[in-house]
Amino acid sequence: MLDKDLLATCDATRELVKIVIGRVRVSCGQADFKNAADSMGILSPGKFALPGDVRTSRMVYELAMFESDGRGSRPLDRFLRWPVRALPEHEQDLARRLSKAVFSLFRITGRHEAGGI
């Protein structure tokens, strides 16, 4: 496969992941967002609201989708129980694959002298 073909495949897959992640939103509740914001250390006391900055809000949402609640259930798992059936087969397949994936989320804000990066 040529580099440009590989990049085109990666771009198409990345877009499909964005679509599927967007559809899982129906299974995320306020408690899921609160837990994710708390895990990120950005939960403010009082009334909960997603951060105003789009990038941070997106990170909270993506973390919420994969983080287990107190009962060990993730929004993605709840989505796979029923709502996923409304998707085309290739999107269902990707959602199932995402549920088995392991992710590390990092936000690089600047150089870290001690870490050397």
C-alpha atoms as a PDB file:
ATOM      1  CA  MET A   1       0.000   0.000   0.000  1.00  0.00           C
ATOM      2  CA  LEU A   2       1.332   3.407  -0.917  1.00  0.00           C
ATOM      3  CA  ASP A   3       1.780   6.032   1.778  1.00  0.00           C
ATOM      4  CA  LYS A   4      -0.996   8.196   0.348  1.00  0.00           C
ATOM      5  CA  ASP A   5      -3.356   5.197   0.282  1.00  0.00           C
ATOM      6  CA  LEU A   6      -2.497   4.351   3.884  1.00  0.00           C
ATOM      7  CA  LEU A   7      -3.081   7.956   4.948  1.00  0.00           C
ATOM      8  CA  ALA A   8      -6.420   8.017   3.125  1.00  0.00           C
ATOM      9  CA  THR A   9      -7.464   4.821   4.948  1.00  0.00           C
ATOM     10  CA  CYS A  10      -6.381   6.298   8.290  1.00  0.00           C
ATOM     11  CA  ASP A  11      -8.283   9.515   7.585  1.00  0.00           C
ATOM     12  CA  ALA A  12     -11.435   7.578   6.701  1.00  0.00           C
ATOM     13  CA  THR A  13     -11.128   5.451   9.848  1.00  0.00           C
ATOM     14  CA  ARG A  14     -10.535   8.536  12.003  1.00  0.00           C
ATOM     15  CA  GLU A  15     -13.702  10.146  10.597  1.00  0.00           C
ATOM     16  CA  LEU A  16     -15.708   6.991  11.272  1.00  0.00           C
ATOM     17  CA  VAL A  17     -14.418   6.903  14.865  1.00  0.00           C
ATOM     18  CA  LYS A  18     -15.594  10.513  15.301  1.00  0.00           C
ATOM     19  CA  ILE A  19     -19.044   9.561  13.989  1.00  0.00           C
ATOM     20  CA  VAL A  20     -19.376   6.567  16.314  1.00  0.00           C
ATOM     21  CA  ILE A  21     -18.084   8.508  19.335  1.00  0.00           C
ATOM     22  CA  GLY A  22     -20.629  11.224  18.586  1.00  0.00           C
ATOM     23  CA  ARG A  23     -23.441   8.670  18.534  1.00  0.00           C
ATOM     24  CA  VAL A  24     -22.471   7.245  21.944  1.00  0.00           C
ATOM     25  CA  ARG A  25     -23.342  10.643  23.467  1.00  0.00           C
ATOM     26  CA  VAL A  26     -26.967   9.445  23.917  1.00  0.00           C
ATOM     27  CA  SER A  27     -25.721   7.027  26.590  1.00  0.00           C
ATOM     28  CA  CYS A  28     -23.775   9.633  28.615  1.00  0.00           C
ATOM     29  CA  GLY A  29     -25.535  11.215  31.569  1.00  0.00           C
ATOM     30  CA  GLN A  30     -24.580  14.169  33.731  1.00  0.00           C
ATOM     31  CA  ALA A  31     -23.032  11.819  36.326  1.00  0.00           C
ATOM     32  CA  ASP A  32     -20.722  10.390  33.639  1.00  0.00           C
ATOM     33  CA  PHE A  33     -19.547  13.888  32.719  1.00  0.00           C
ATOM     34  CA  LYS A  34     -19.084  14.821  36.382  1.00  0.00           C
ATOM     35  CA  ASN A  35     -16.977  11.712  37.029  1.00  0.00           C
ATOM     36  CA  ALA A  36     -14.811  12.427  34.005  1.00  0.00           C
ATOM     37  CA  ALA A  37     -14.351  16.088  34.956  1.00  0.00           C
ATOM     38  CA  ASP A  38     -13.466  15.002  38.490  1.00  0.00           C
ATOM     39  CA  SER A  39     -10.898  12.516  37.129  1.00  0.00           C
ATOM     40  CA  MET A  40      -9.372  15.330  35.092  1.00  0.00           C
ATOM     41  CA  GLY A  41      -9.247  17.570  38.166  1.00  0.00           C
ATOM     42  CA  ILE A  42     -11.492  20.229  36.622  1.00  0.00           C
ATOM     43  CA  LEU A  43     -14.729  19.681  38.547  1.00  0.00           C
ATOM     44  CA  SER A  44     -15.808  22.915  40.220  1.00  0.00           C
ATOM     45  CA  PRO A  45     -17.804  22.934  43.432  1.00  0.00           C
ATOM     46  CA  GLY A  46     -21.465  23.773  43.003  1.00  0.00           C
ATOM     47  CA  LYS A  47     -23.426  23.471  39.791  1.00  0.00           C
ATOM     48  CA  PHE A  48     -21.800  21.314  37.102  1.00  0.00           C
ATOM     49  CA  ALA A  49     -21.244  22.656  33.613  1.00  0.00           C
ATOM     50  CA  LEU A  50     -18.923  21.464  30.880  1.00  0.00           C
ATOM     51  CA  PRO A  51     -15.874  23.686  30.443  1.00  0.00           C
ATOM     52  CA  GLY A  52     -16.379  26.569  28.008  1.00  0.00           C
ATOM     53  CA  ASP A  53     -13.305  25.632  26.003  1.00  0.00           C
ATOM     54  CA  VAL A  54     -14.277  23.214  23.211  1.00  0.00           C
ATOM     55  CA  ARG A  55     -11.094  21.128  23.395  1.00  0.00           C
ATOM     56  CA  THR A  56     -11.477  20.504  27.137  1.00  0.00           C
ATOM     57  CA  SER A  57     -15.190  19.747  26.777  1.00  0.00           C
ATOM     58  CA  ARG A  58     -14.389  17.205  24.070  1.00  0.00           C
ATOM     59  CA  MET A  59     -11.786  15.575  26.331  1.00  0.00           C
ATOM     60  CA  VAL A  60     -14.323  15.346  29.191  1.00  0.00           C
ATOM     61  CA  TYR A  61     -16.856  13.736  26.858  1.00  0.00           C
ATOM     62  CA  GLU A  62     -14.375  11.230  25.427  1.00  0.00           C
ATOM     63  CA  LEU A  63     -13.152  10.269  28.894  1.00  0.00           C
ATOM     64  CA  ALA A  64     -16.744   9.958  30.155  1.00  0.00           C
ATOM     65  CA  MET A  65     -17.551   7.526  27.383  1.00  0.00           C
ATOM     66  CA  PHE A  66     -14.865   5.074  28.545  1.00  0.00           C
ATOM     67  CA  GLU A  67     -14.857   5.597  32.317  1.00  0.00           C
ATOM     68  CA  SER A  68     -16.787   3.171  34.536  1.00  0.00           C
ATOM     69  CA  ASP A  69     -19.375   4.453  36.983  1.00  0.00           C
ATOM     70  CA  GLY A  70     -19.819   3.127  40.530  1.00  0.00           C
ATOM     71  CA  ARG A  71     -21.525  -0.019  39.175  1.00  0.00           C
ATOM     72  CA  GLY A  72     -18.748  -0.748  36.671  1.00  0.00           C
ATOM     73  CA  SER A  73     -20.815   0.315  33.656  1.00  0.00           C
ATOM     74  CA  ARG A  74     -19.492   2.653  30.974  1.00  0.00           C
ATOM     75  CA  PRO A  75     -21.640   4.767  28.646  1.00  0.00           C
ATOM     76  CA  LEU A  76     -20.115   2.845  25.746  1.00  0.00           C
ATOM     77  CA  ASP A  77     -21.268  -0.441  27.318  1.00  0.00           C
ATOM     78  CA  ARG A  78     -24.788   0.952  27.769  1.00  0.00           C
ATOM     79  CA  PHE A  79     -24.772   2.101  24.153  1.00  0.00           C
ATOM     80  CA  LEU A  80     -23.785  -1.388  22.974  1.00  0.00           C
ATOM     81  CA  ARG A  81     -26.762  -2.964  24.762  1.00  0.00           C
ATOM     82  CA  TRP A  82     -29.384  -1.407  22.511  1.00  0.00           C
ATOM     83  CA  PRO A  83     -28.856   1.955  20.709  1.00  0.00           C
ATOM     84  CA  VAL A  84     -25.998   0.521  18.628  1.00  0.00           C
ATOM     85  CA  ARG A  85     -28.522  -1.607  16.714  1.00  0.00           C
ATOM     86  CA  ALA A  86     -29.804   1.503  14.936  1.00  0.00           C
ATOM     87  CA  LEU A  87     -26.397   2.042  13.295  1.00  0.00           C
ATOM     88  CA  PRO A  88     -25.186   0.611  10.001  1.00  0.00           C
ATOM     89  CA  GLU A  89     -23.282  -2.666  10.448  1.00  0.00           C
ATOM     90  CA  HIS A  90     -19.820  -1.129   9.840  1.00  0.00           C
ATOM     91  CA  GLU A  91     -20.467   1.476  12.574  1.00  0.00           C
ATOM     92  CA  GLN A  92     -21.709  -1.235  14.958  1.00  0.00           C
ATOM     93  CA  ASP A  93     -18.513  -3.184  14.304  1.00  0.00           C
ATOM     94  CA  LEU A  94     -16.360  -0.160  15.066  1.00  0.00           C
ATOM     95  CA  ALA A  95     -18.317   0.585  18.270  1.00  0.00           C
ATOM     96  CA  ARG A  96     -17.725  -2.984  19.458  1.00  0.00           C
ATOM     97  CA  ARG A  97     -14.018  -2.681  18.658  1.00  0.00           C
ATOM     98  CA  LEU A  98     -13.794   0.637  20.511  1.00  0.00           C
ATOM     99  CA  SER A  99     -15.316  -1.007  23.588  1.00  0.00           C
ATOM    100  CA  LYS A 100     -12.342  -3.378  23.743  1.00  0.00           C
ATOM    101  CA  ALA A 101      -9.714  -0.709  23.136  1.00  0.00           C
ATOM    102  CA  VAL A 102      -7.450   0.874  25.723  1.00  0.00           C
ATOM    103  CA  PHE A 103      -6.733   4.566  25.462  1.00  0.00           C
ATOM    104  CA  SER A 104      -4.364   7.021  27.062  1.00  0.00           C
ATOM    105  CA  LEU A 105      -5.422  10.629  26.817  1.00  0.00           C
ATOM    106  CA  PHE A 106      -2.822  13.342  27.012  1.00  0.00           C
ATOM    107  CA  ARG A 107      -3.032  17.057  26.498  1.00  0.00           C
ATOM    108  CA  ILE A 108       0.304  18.651  25.753  1.00  0.00           C
ATOM    109  CA  THR A 109       0.351  22.245  26.897  1.00  0.00           C
ATOM    110  CA  GLY A 110       4.073  22.916  26.798  1.00  0.00           C
ATOM    111  CA  ARG A 111       7.549  21.593  27.330  1.00  0.00           C
ATOM    112  CA  HIS A 112       8.177  19.586  30.518  1.00  0.00           C
ATOM    113  CA  GLU A 113      11.779  20.057  31.548  1.00  0.00           C
ATOM    114  CA  ALA A 114      11.906  17.201  34.076  1.00  0.00           C
ATOM    115  CA  GLY A 115      10.263  14.791  31.635  1.00  0.00           C
ATOM    116  CA  GLY A 116      12.479  15.806  28.745  1.00  0.00           C
ATOM    117  CA  ILE A 117       9.577  16.381  26.387  1.00  0.00           C
END
